[in-house]
């Protein structure tokens, strides 16, 4: 499992846990359709370096060890929560 960052045409960013770029893009497309009811327009997928400055590497290691694909939400006090693409709008 790897951490990806999706940058939408608006500049908004979304964290995605996935095995590959293609899976990350698919998760984003499903998430976008679920939340906005429209197909995603343009977006960019970039893999995040697990040792990126500012990332809590322990929290990231714990999340990656779950081997769960989905949308990632980060809370500095709790770590990562990975939710499915069809989670209610307020959850991701």
N, C-alpha and C. Protein backbone atom coordinates (compact mmCIF):
# COMPACT_ATOMS: atom_id res chain seq x y z
N UNK A 1 0.85 -1.17 0.00
CA UNK A 1 0.00 0.00 0.00
C UNK A 1 0.90 1.24 0.00
N UNK A 2 0.44 2.27 -0.71
CA UNK A 2 1.20 3.52 -0.80
C UNK A 2 0.24 4.69 -0.59
N UNK A 3 0.81 5.84 -0.24
CA UNK A 3 0.03 7.06 -0.03
C UNK A 3 0.16 7.95 -1.27
N UNK A 4 -0.99 8.34 -1.82
CA UNK A 4 -1.02 9.23 -2.97
C UNK A 4 -1.74 10.52 -2.60
N UNK A 5 -1.40 11.57 -3.30
CA UNK A 5 -2.08 12.85 -3.13
C UNK A 5 -2.72 13.20 -4.47
N UNK A 6 -4.03 13.40 -4.45
CA UNK A 6 -4.77 13.79 -5.64
C UNK A 6 -4.96 15.30 -5.58
N UNK A 7 -4.58 15.99 -6.64
CA UNK A 7 -4.81 17.43 -6.73
C UNK A 7 -5.89 17.65 -7.79
N UNK A 8 -6.99 18.22 -7.35
CA UNK A 8 -8.12 18.47 -8.25
C UNK A 8 -7.88 19.75 -9.05
N UNK A 9 -8.66 19.92 -10.11
CA UNK A 9 -8.53 21.11 -10.96
C UNK A 9 -8.68 22.39 -10.14
N UNK A 10 -9.47 22.35 -9.07
CA UNK A 10 -9.68 23.52 -8.22
C UNK A 10 -8.47 23.82 -7.33
N UNK A 11 -7.54 22.86 -7.24
CA UNK A 11 -6.39 23.01 -6.36
C UNK A 11 -6.56 22.27 -5.04
N UNK A 12 -7.79 21.82 -4.75
CA UNK A 12 -8.05 21.05 -3.53
C UNK A 12 -7.30 19.72 -3.61
N UNK A 13 -6.89 19.20 -2.47
CA UNK A 13 -6.12 17.97 -2.42
C UNK A 13 -6.85 16.91 -1.60
N UNK A 14 -6.60 15.65 -1.96
CA UNK A 14 -7.21 14.52 -1.28
C UNK A 14 -6.15 13.45 -1.13
N UNK A 15 -6.03 12.86 0.04
CA UNK A 15 -5.09 11.77 0.27
C UNK A 15 -5.78 10.45 -0.01
N UNK A 16 -5.08 9.55 -0.70
CA UNK A 16 -5.63 8.26 -1.07
C UNK A 16 -4.60 7.18 -0.78
N UNK A 17 -5.04 6.11 -0.14
CA UNK A 17 -4.20 4.93 0.06
C UNK A 17 -4.55 3.93 -1.02
N UNK A 18 -3.55 3.47 -1.76
CA UNK A 18 -3.78 2.55 -2.87
C UNK A 18 -2.50 1.79 -3.18
N UNK A 19 -2.64 0.73 -3.99
CA UNK A 19 -1.48 -0.07 -4.39
C UNK A 19 -0.75 0.54 -5.58
N UNK A 20 -1.47 1.33 -6.40
CA UNK A 20 -0.88 1.84 -7.63
C UNK A 20 -1.50 3.18 -8.00
N UNK A 21 -0.87 3.85 -8.97
CA UNK A 21 -1.43 5.11 -9.48
C UNK A 21 -2.83 4.87 -10.04
N UNK A 22 -2.99 3.78 -10.81
CA UNK A 22 -4.29 3.49 -11.41
C UNK A 22 -5.37 3.27 -10.35
N UNK A 23 -5.03 2.52 -9.30
CA UNK A 23 -6.00 2.30 -8.24
C UNK A 23 -6.32 3.61 -7.53
N UNK A 24 -5.32 4.44 -7.28
CA UNK A 24 -5.54 5.73 -6.63
C UNK A 24 -6.48 6.60 -7.47
N UNK A 25 -6.25 6.62 -8.79
CA UNK A 25 -7.12 7.40 -9.68
C UNK A 25 -8.54 6.86 -9.64
N UNK A 26 -8.70 5.54 -9.66
CA UNK A 26 -10.02 4.93 -9.60
C UNK A 26 -10.75 5.25 -8.30
N UNK A 27 -10.03 5.21 -7.19
CA UNK A 27 -10.62 5.55 -5.89
C UNK A 27 -11.09 7.00 -5.91
N UNK A 28 -10.25 7.89 -6.46
CA UNK A 28 -10.64 9.29 -6.52
C UNK A 28 -11.87 9.49 -7.40
N UNK A 29 -11.91 8.86 -8.57
CA UNK A 29 -13.05 9.00 -9.47
C UNK A 29 -14.33 8.55 -8.78
N UNK A 30 -14.28 7.41 -8.09
CA UNK A 30 -15.45 6.92 -7.36
C UNK A 30 -15.85 7.87 -6.23
N UNK A 31 -14.85 8.34 -5.48
CA UNK A 31 -15.11 9.27 -4.37
C UNK A 31 -15.76 10.55 -4.90
N UNK A 32 -15.20 11.10 -5.98
CA UNK A 32 -15.71 12.36 -6.54
C UNK A 32 -17.16 12.19 -7.00
N UNK A 33 -17.44 11.10 -7.70
CA UNK A 33 -18.80 10.85 -8.18
C UNK A 33 -19.77 10.70 -7.01
N UNK A 34 -19.34 10.03 -5.94
CA UNK A 34 -20.18 9.85 -4.76
C UNK A 34 -20.47 11.17 -4.06
N UNK A 35 -19.50 12.05 -4.03
CA UNK A 35 -19.65 13.30 -3.29
C UNK A 35 -20.23 14.45 -4.10
N UNK A 36 -20.01 14.43 -5.41
CA UNK A 36 -20.45 15.55 -6.24
C UNK A 36 -21.48 15.16 -7.29
N UNK A 37 -21.68 13.86 -7.51
CA UNK A 37 -22.68 13.41 -8.46
C UNK A 37 -22.29 13.60 -9.91
N UNK A 38 -21.10 14.06 -10.16
CA UNK A 38 -20.62 14.28 -11.52
C UNK A 38 -19.29 13.55 -11.69
N UNK A 39 -18.93 13.27 -12.94
CA UNK A 39 -17.59 12.69 -13.14
C UNK A 39 -16.51 13.74 -12.84
N UNK A 40 -15.39 13.29 -12.37
CA UNK A 40 -14.27 14.19 -12.08
C UNK A 40 -13.75 14.77 -13.39
N UNK A 41 -13.41 16.04 -13.38
CA UNK A 41 -12.80 16.63 -14.56
C UNK A 41 -11.32 16.30 -14.53
N UNK A 42 -10.46 17.24 -14.57
CA UNK A 42 -9.04 16.94 -14.56
C UNK A 42 -8.50 16.88 -13.13
N UNK A 43 -7.52 16.02 -12.95
CA UNK A 43 -6.86 15.89 -11.65
C UNK A 43 -5.49 15.28 -11.87
N UNK A 44 -4.64 15.42 -10.87
CA UNK A 44 -3.28 14.90 -10.93
C UNK A 44 -3.06 13.96 -9.77
N UNK A 45 -2.37 12.85 -10.03
CA UNK A 45 -2.05 11.86 -9.00
C UNK A 45 -0.55 11.90 -8.76
N UNK A 46 -0.15 12.06 -7.50
CA UNK A 46 1.27 12.05 -7.15
C UNK A 46 1.46 11.15 -5.93
N UNK A 47 2.52 10.36 -5.95
CA UNK A 47 2.82 9.53 -4.80
C UNK A 47 3.55 10.36 -3.75
N UNK A 48 3.12 10.23 -2.51
CA UNK A 48 3.79 10.93 -1.41
C UNK A 48 4.95 10.08 -0.92
N UNK A 49 6.06 10.73 -0.68
CA UNK A 49 7.22 10.07 -0.11
C UNK A 49 6.92 9.78 1.36
N UNK A 50 7.04 8.53 1.81
CA UNK A 50 6.71 8.20 3.20
C UNK A 50 7.57 8.94 4.23
N UNK A 51 8.72 9.47 3.81
CA UNK A 51 9.55 10.23 4.75
C UNK A 51 9.47 11.73 4.48
N UNK A 52 8.39 12.16 3.83
CA UNK A 52 8.15 13.57 3.52
C UNK A 52 8.24 14.39 4.80
N UNK A 53 8.98 15.48 4.81
CA UNK A 53 9.06 16.30 6.02
C UNK A 53 7.67 16.77 6.44
N UNK A 54 7.40 16.67 7.72
CA UNK A 54 6.11 17.11 8.23
C UNK A 54 5.12 15.98 8.41
N UNK A 55 5.35 14.83 7.74
CA UNK A 55 4.45 13.70 7.94
C UNK A 55 4.86 12.97 9.21
N UNK A 56 3.89 12.55 9.99
CA UNK A 56 4.17 11.72 11.15
C UNK A 56 4.42 10.31 10.63
N UNK A 57 5.68 9.91 10.58
CA UNK A 57 6.01 8.63 9.95
C UNK A 57 5.45 7.44 10.72
N UNK A 58 5.33 7.53 12.03
CA UNK A 58 4.75 6.43 12.78
C UNK A 58 3.29 6.24 12.42
N UNK A 59 2.52 7.34 12.35
CA UNK A 59 1.12 7.25 11.95
C UNK A 59 1.00 6.67 10.54
N UNK A 60 1.88 7.09 9.64
CA UNK A 60 1.82 6.61 8.27
C UNK A 60 2.16 5.12 8.21
N UNK A 61 3.18 4.68 8.94
CA UNK A 61 3.53 3.26 8.96
C UNK A 61 2.36 2.42 9.45
N UNK A 62 1.67 2.90 10.48
CA UNK A 62 0.50 2.19 11.01
C UNK A 62 -0.60 2.09 9.96
N UNK A 63 -0.84 3.18 9.24
CA UNK A 63 -1.89 3.18 8.21
C UNK A 63 -1.52 2.26 7.05
N UNK A 64 -0.27 2.32 6.61
CA UNK A 64 0.16 1.47 5.50
C UNK A 64 0.10 0.00 5.87
N UNK A 65 0.38 -0.32 7.13
CA UNK A 65 0.35 -1.71 7.60
C UNK A 65 -1.06 -2.31 7.54
N UNK A 66 -2.09 -1.46 7.53
CA UNK A 66 -3.46 -1.97 7.44
C UNK A 66 -3.75 -2.57 6.07
N UNK A 67 -2.98 -2.16 5.06
CA UNK A 67 -3.16 -2.64 3.69
C UNK A 67 -4.59 -2.45 3.21
N UNK A 68 -5.14 -1.28 3.52
CA UNK A 68 -6.51 -0.93 3.17
C UNK A 68 -6.49 0.22 2.17
N UNK A 69 -7.20 0.05 1.08
CA UNK A 69 -7.30 1.11 0.08
C UNK A 69 -8.50 1.99 0.39
N UNK A 70 -8.37 3.28 0.13
CA UNK A 70 -9.48 4.21 0.33
C UNK A 70 -8.97 5.63 0.50
N UNK A 71 -9.88 6.49 0.88
CA UNK A 71 -9.58 7.91 1.08
C UNK A 71 -9.03 8.08 2.49
N UNK A 72 -7.92 8.79 2.60
CA UNK A 72 -7.28 8.99 3.90
C UNK A 72 -7.62 10.33 4.50
N UNK A 73 -7.97 10.31 5.78
CA UNK A 73 -8.17 11.53 6.55
C UNK A 73 -7.17 11.50 7.70
N UNK A 74 -6.50 12.61 7.92
CA UNK A 74 -5.46 12.64 8.95
C UNK A 74 -5.86 13.54 10.10
N UNK A 75 -5.70 13.03 11.31
CA UNK A 75 -5.89 13.78 12.54
C UNK A 75 -4.58 13.65 13.31
N UNK A 76 -3.90 14.76 13.60
CA UNK A 76 -2.60 14.67 14.27
C UNK A 76 -2.64 13.96 15.62
N UNK A 77 -3.80 13.93 16.27
CA UNK A 77 -3.92 13.26 17.56
C UNK A 77 -4.26 11.78 17.45
N UNK A 78 -4.87 11.37 16.34
CA UNK A 78 -5.33 10.00 16.19
C UNK A 78 -4.65 9.24 15.07
N UNK A 79 -4.02 9.94 14.15
CA UNK A 79 -3.41 9.28 13.00
C UNK A 79 -4.36 9.25 11.82
N UNK A 80 -4.14 8.29 10.92
CA UNK A 80 -4.91 8.18 9.69
C UNK A 80 -6.16 7.35 9.88
N UNK A 81 -7.23 7.78 9.25
CA UNK A 81 -8.44 6.99 9.11
C UNK A 81 -8.62 6.78 7.61
N UNK A 82 -8.84 5.55 7.20
CA UNK A 82 -9.03 5.25 5.79
C UNK A 82 -10.48 4.84 5.59
N UNK A 83 -11.18 5.61 4.76
CA UNK A 83 -12.61 5.35 4.56
C UNK A 83 -12.86 4.93 3.10
N UNK A 84 -13.90 4.14 2.88
CA UNK A 84 -14.23 3.73 1.51
C UNK A 84 -14.77 4.90 0.71
N UNK A 85 -14.77 4.75 -0.60
CA UNK A 85 -15.21 5.83 -1.48
C UNK A 85 -16.69 6.14 -1.34
N UNK A 86 -17.48 5.18 -0.84
CA UNK A 86 -18.91 5.41 -0.70
C UNK A 86 -19.30 5.84 0.72
N UNK A 87 -18.32 6.25 1.51
CA UNK A 87 -18.61 6.74 2.86
C UNK A 87 -19.49 7.98 2.77
N UNK A 88 -20.33 8.23 3.77
CA UNK A 88 -21.14 9.46 3.74
C UNK A 88 -20.27 10.69 3.54
N UNK A 89 -20.83 11.69 2.91
CA UNK A 89 -20.09 12.88 2.50
C UNK A 89 -19.31 13.49 3.65
N UNK A 90 -19.85 13.56 4.83
CA UNK A 90 -19.15 14.17 5.96
C UNK A 90 -17.97 13.37 6.46
N UNK A 91 -17.86 12.11 6.04
CA UNK A 91 -16.81 11.23 6.56
C UNK A 91 -15.51 11.29 5.76
N UNK A 92 -15.57 11.84 4.57
CA UNK A 92 -14.32 11.88 3.79
C UNK A 92 -14.27 13.15 2.96
